[in-house]
Amino acid sequence: MLPTIEQLQQMQTMNIMELERDKLANAEDIVIDTGKSMESRVRSFMEQTGNPFALNVGEYILQVGFAEGTEDLIDDRMILLARRRAQILV
């Protein structure tokens, strides 16, 4: 059963410190059939993750969000993240 809009909004705004690792899906276990329609792929992802905004990735919890009011692409944000990490390590 897919979550309601209200449940999705609640998942999206959860504090990462309140997430329970054992209740999150593991990213490496998610399999999406790219030959299916977009709707089928989204449904499959939602069913496999339970919470589409938080996943276990190795020893970390990855929390995904969306920035409103920006035209940055994910590539732009990844470059910014890499630059910030490089400054911390130097």
N, C-alpha and C. Protein backbone atom coordinates (compact mmCIF):
# COMPACT_ATOMS: atom_id res chain seq x y z
N MET A 1 0.85 -1.18 0.00
CA MET A 1 0.00 0.00 0.00
C MET A 1 0.89 1.25 0.00
N LEU A 2 0.58 2.17 -0.87
CA LEU A 2 1.38 3.39 -0.98
C LEU A 2 0.98 4.39 0.10
N PRO A 3 1.95 5.19 0.55
CA PRO A 3 1.64 6.20 1.59
C PRO A 3 0.78 7.32 1.02
N THR A 4 0.05 7.96 1.91
CA THR A 4 -0.77 9.12 1.53
C THR A 4 0.14 10.34 1.36
N ILE A 5 -0.41 11.39 0.79
CA ILE A 5 0.33 12.65 0.65
C ILE A 5 0.77 13.16 2.02
N GLU A 6 -0.11 13.07 3.00
CA GLU A 6 0.22 13.53 4.35
C GLU A 6 1.37 12.72 4.94
N GLN A 7 1.36 11.41 4.73
CA GLN A 7 2.44 10.56 5.24
C GLN A 7 3.76 10.89 4.54
N LEU A 8 3.70 11.14 3.24
CA LEU A 8 4.91 11.51 2.51
C LEU A 8 5.47 12.84 3.02
N GLN A 9 4.60 13.80 3.28
CA GLN A 9 5.05 15.09 3.80
C GLN A 9 5.71 14.92 5.17
N GLN A 10 5.16 14.05 5.98
CA GLN A 10 5.75 13.78 7.30
C GLN A 10 7.12 13.11 7.15
N MET A 11 7.23 12.15 6.24
CA MET A 11 8.51 11.47 6.01
C MET A 11 9.56 12.46 5.52
N GLN A 12 9.15 13.36 4.66
CA GLN A 12 10.08 14.33 4.07
C GLN A 12 10.66 15.28 5.11
N THR A 13 9.90 15.59 6.14
CA THR A 13 10.34 16.58 7.12
C THR A 13 10.93 15.96 8.39
N MET A 14 11.06 14.63 8.42
CA MET A 14 11.60 13.98 9.62
C MET A 14 13.05 14.39 9.87
N ASN A 15 13.38 14.55 11.12
CA ASN A 15 14.75 14.83 11.53
C ASN A 15 15.56 13.55 11.37
N ILE A 16 16.70 13.64 10.72
CA ILE A 16 17.52 12.45 10.47
C ILE A 16 17.91 11.75 11.77
N MET A 17 18.01 12.48 12.85
CA MET A 17 18.38 11.89 14.13
C MET A 17 17.25 11.04 14.72
N GLU A 18 16.03 11.22 14.21
CA GLU A 18 14.89 10.46 14.71
C GLU A 18 14.60 9.21 13.87
N LEU A 19 15.32 9.04 12.76
CA LEU A 19 15.10 7.87 11.90
C LEU A 19 15.66 6.62 12.57
N GLU A 20 14.96 5.51 12.40
CA GLU A 20 15.39 4.24 12.96
C GLU A 20 16.00 3.40 11.84
N ARG A 21 17.31 3.19 11.91
CA ARG A 21 18.06 2.50 10.86
C ARG A 21 17.43 1.16 10.49
N ASP A 22 16.99 0.40 11.49
CA ASP A 22 16.47 -0.94 11.22
C ASP A 22 15.12 -0.92 10.49
N LYS A 23 14.49 0.23 10.40
CA LYS A 23 13.22 0.35 9.69
C LYS A 23 13.37 0.92 8.28
N LEU A 24 14.61 1.25 7.91
CA LEU A 24 14.87 1.83 6.59
C LEU A 24 15.34 0.75 5.61
N ALA A 25 14.98 0.92 4.34
CA ALA A 25 15.41 0.00 3.30
C ALA A 25 16.90 0.21 3.02
N ASN A 26 17.56 -0.85 2.57
CA ASN A 26 18.96 -0.77 2.15
C ASN A 26 19.00 -0.44 0.66
N ALA A 27 19.74 0.59 0.30
CA ALA A 27 19.79 1.04 -1.09
C ALA A 27 20.22 -0.07 -2.04
N GLU A 28 21.16 -0.91 -1.61
CA GLU A 28 21.65 -1.96 -2.52
C GLU A 28 20.63 -3.06 -2.76
N ASP A 29 19.57 -3.12 -1.96
CA ASP A 29 18.53 -4.13 -2.14
C ASP A 29 17.42 -3.68 -3.08
N ILE A 30 17.42 -2.42 -3.45
CA ILE A 30 16.35 -1.89 -4.30
C ILE A 30 16.65 -2.21 -5.76
N VAL A 31 15.69 -2.84 -6.41
CA VAL A 31 15.84 -3.21 -7.82
C VAL A 31 14.66 -2.62 -8.58
N ILE A 32 14.98 -1.86 -9.62
CA ILE A 32 13.95 -1.22 -10.44
C ILE A 32 14.08 -1.74 -11.87
N ASP A 33 12.97 -2.22 -12.43
CA ASP A 33 12.93 -2.69 -13.81
C ASP A 33 12.77 -1.48 -14.72
N THR A 34 13.85 -1.07 -15.37
CA THR A 34 13.82 0.13 -16.20
C THR A 34 13.03 -0.06 -17.49
N GLY A 35 12.62 -1.28 -17.77
CA GLY A 35 11.80 -1.54 -18.95
C GLY A 35 10.33 -1.24 -18.72
N LYS A 36 9.97 -0.98 -17.48
CA LYS A 36 8.56 -0.69 -17.15
C LYS A 36 8.28 0.80 -17.26
N SER A 37 7.00 1.14 -17.21
CA SER A 37 6.59 2.54 -17.30
C SER A 37 7.10 3.33 -16.10
N MET A 38 7.14 4.65 -16.23
CA MET A 38 7.57 5.52 -15.14
C MET A 38 6.70 5.29 -13.91
N GLU A 39 5.41 5.19 -14.11
CA GLU A 39 4.49 4.97 -12.99
C GLU A 39 4.80 3.66 -12.26
N SER A 40 5.09 2.61 -13.02
CA SER A 40 5.43 1.31 -12.42
C SER A 40 6.74 1.38 -11.65
N ARG A 41 7.70 2.11 -12.20
CA ARG A 41 9.01 2.25 -11.54
C ARG A 41 8.88 3.02 -10.24
N VAL A 42 8.09 4.10 -10.26
CA VAL A 42 7.88 4.90 -9.04
C VAL A 42 7.17 4.05 -7.99
N ARG A 43 6.13 3.34 -8.41
CA ARG A 43 5.38 2.48 -7.48
C ARG A 43 6.31 1.44 -6.87
N SER A 44 7.13 0.82 -7.70
CA SER A 44 8.07 -0.20 -7.21
C SER A 44 9.04 0.39 -6.20
N PHE A 45 9.59 1.57 -6.50
CA PHE A 45 10.51 2.23 -5.58
C PHE A 45 9.83 2.52 -4.26
N MET A 46 8.62 3.07 -4.33
CA MET A 46 7.88 3.40 -3.11
C MET A 46 7.59 2.15 -2.28
N GLU A 47 7.20 1.07 -2.94
CA GLU A 47 6.90 -0.16 -2.22
C GLU A 47 8.15 -0.76 -1.58
N GLN A 48 9.29 -0.66 -2.27
CA GLN A 48 10.53 -1.25 -1.75
C GLN A 48 11.15 -0.42 -0.63
N THR A 49 10.97 0.89 -0.67
CA THR A 49 11.63 1.73 0.32
C THR A 49 10.78 2.00 1.55
N GLY A 50 9.49 2.13 1.38
CA GLY A 50 8.65 2.51 2.51
C GLY A 50 8.76 4.01 2.75
N ASN A 51 9.97 4.50 2.95
CA ASN A 51 10.24 5.94 3.11
C ASN A 51 11.17 6.35 1.97
N PRO A 52 10.64 7.00 0.93
CA PRO A 52 11.48 7.34 -0.21
C PRO A 52 12.48 8.45 0.07
N PHE A 53 12.42 9.06 1.26
CA PHE A 53 13.31 10.16 1.59
C PHE A 53 14.49 9.74 2.46
N ALA A 54 14.55 8.47 2.86
CA ALA A 54 15.65 8.02 3.72
C ALA A 54 15.95 6.55 3.44
N LEU A 55 17.24 6.26 3.26
CA LEU A 55 17.69 4.90 2.96
C LEU A 55 18.98 4.61 3.71
N ASN A 56 19.22 3.34 3.97
CA ASN A 56 20.52 2.91 4.46
C ASN A 56 21.44 2.77 3.26
N VAL A 57 22.60 3.40 3.32
CA VAL A 57 23.61 3.28 2.28
C VAL A 57 24.91 2.95 2.98
N GLY A 58 25.25 1.67 2.97
CA GLY A 58 26.43 1.24 3.72
C GLY A 58 26.21 1.50 5.20
N GLU A 59 27.16 2.18 5.82
CA GLU A 59 27.05 2.47 7.26
C GLU A 59 26.37 3.80 7.54
N TYR A 60 25.83 4.44 6.50
CA TYR A 60 25.21 5.76 6.65
C TYR A 60 23.72 5.72 6.35
N ILE A 61 23.02 6.71 6.86
CA ILE A 61 21.63 6.96 6.48
C ILE A 61 21.66 8.12 5.50
N LEU A 62 21.12 7.91 4.32
CA LEU A 62 21.03 8.95 3.31
C LEU A 62 19.63 9.53 3.36
N GLN A 63 19.54 10.82 3.63
CA GLN A 63 18.24 11.49 3.65
C GLN A 63 18.19 12.42 2.45
N VAL A 64 17.15 12.26 1.65
CA VAL A 64 17.00 13.01 0.41
C VAL A 64 15.95 14.10 0.60
N GLY A 65 16.23 15.26 0.04
CA GLY A 65 15.27 16.36 0.10
C GLY A 65 15.34 17.16 -1.18
N PHE A 66 14.47 18.11 -1.29
CA PHE A 66 14.40 18.94 -2.48
C PHE A 66 14.48 20.39 -2.07
N ALA A 67 15.28 21.14 -2.79
CA ALA A 67 15.40 22.58 -2.53
C ALA A 67 14.45 23.31 -3.46
N GLU A 68 13.52 24.03 -2.88
CA GLU A 68 12.58 24.80 -3.69
C GLU A 68 13.19 26.15 -4.04
N GLY A 69 12.82 26.66 -5.19
CA GLY A 69 13.26 27.99 -5.59
C GLY A 69 14.68 28.03 -6.12
N THR A 70 15.22 26.90 -6.55
CA THR A 70 16.56 26.90 -7.11
C THR A 70 16.53 26.24 -8.48
N GLU A 71 17.44 26.65 -9.33
CA GLU A 71 17.55 26.04 -10.65
C GLU A 71 18.78 25.14 -10.73
N ASP A 72 19.46 24.93 -9.59
CA ASP A 72 20.64 24.07 -9.57
C ASP A 72 20.25 22.65 -9.93
N LEU A 73 21.11 22.00 -10.66
CA LEU A 73 20.95 20.58 -10.96
C LEU A 73 21.65 19.77 -9.88
N ILE A 74 21.35 18.49 -9.80
CA ILE A 74 22.00 17.65 -8.80
C ILE A 74 23.52 17.65 -9.02
N ASP A 75 23.94 17.73 -10.28
CA ASP A 75 25.38 17.79 -10.58
C ASP A 75 26.02 19.02 -9.93
N ASP A 76 25.32 20.16 -10.00
CA ASP A 76 25.84 21.39 -9.38
C ASP A 76 26.01 21.21 -7.88
N ARG A 77 25.03 20.58 -7.25
CA ARG A 77 25.07 20.36 -5.80
C ARG A 77 26.16 19.37 -5.42
N MET A 78 26.37 18.34 -6.24
CA MET A 78 27.42 17.36 -5.95
C MET A 78 28.81 18.00 -6.05
N ILE A 79 28.99 18.87 -7.03
CA ILE A 79 30.27 19.59 -7.16
C ILE A 79 30.50 20.47 -5.94
N LEU A 80 29.47 21.17 -5.50
CA LEU A 80 29.56 22.01 -4.31
C LEU A 80 29.92 21.17 -3.08
N LEU A 81 29.27 20.02 -2.94
CA LEU A 81 29.58 19.12 -1.82
C LEU A 81 31.03 18.66 -1.88
N ALA A 82 31.50 18.27 -3.05
CA ALA A 82 32.89 17.82 -3.19
C ALA A 82 33.86 18.93 -2.84
N ARG A 83 33.57 20.14 -3.24
CA ARG A 83 34.45 21.28 -2.92
C ARG A 83 34.49 21.52 -1.42
N ARG A 84 33.33 21.45 -0.78
CA ARG A 84 33.27 21.66 0.67
C ARG A 84 34.04 20.57 1.40
N ARG A 85 33.90 19.33 0.96
CA ARG A 85 34.61 18.22 1.59
C ARG A 85 36.12 18.38 1.41
N ALA A 86 36.54 18.84 0.23
CA ALA A 86 37.96 19.04 -0.03
C ALA A 86 38.53 20.13 0.88
N GLN A 87 37.74 21.18 1.14
CA GLN A 87 38.20 22.25 2.02
C GLN A 87 38.35 21.76 3.44
N ILE A 88 37.47 20.87 3.86
CA ILE A 88 37.54 20.33 5.22
C ILE A 88 38.79 19.47 5.39
N LEU A 89 39.14 18.70 4.37
CA LEU A 89 40.27 17.78 4.44
C LEU A 89 41.62 18.48 4.29
N VAL A 90 41.65 19.66 3.71
CA VAL A 90 42.91 20.36 3.44
C VAL A 90 43.38 21.07 4.67
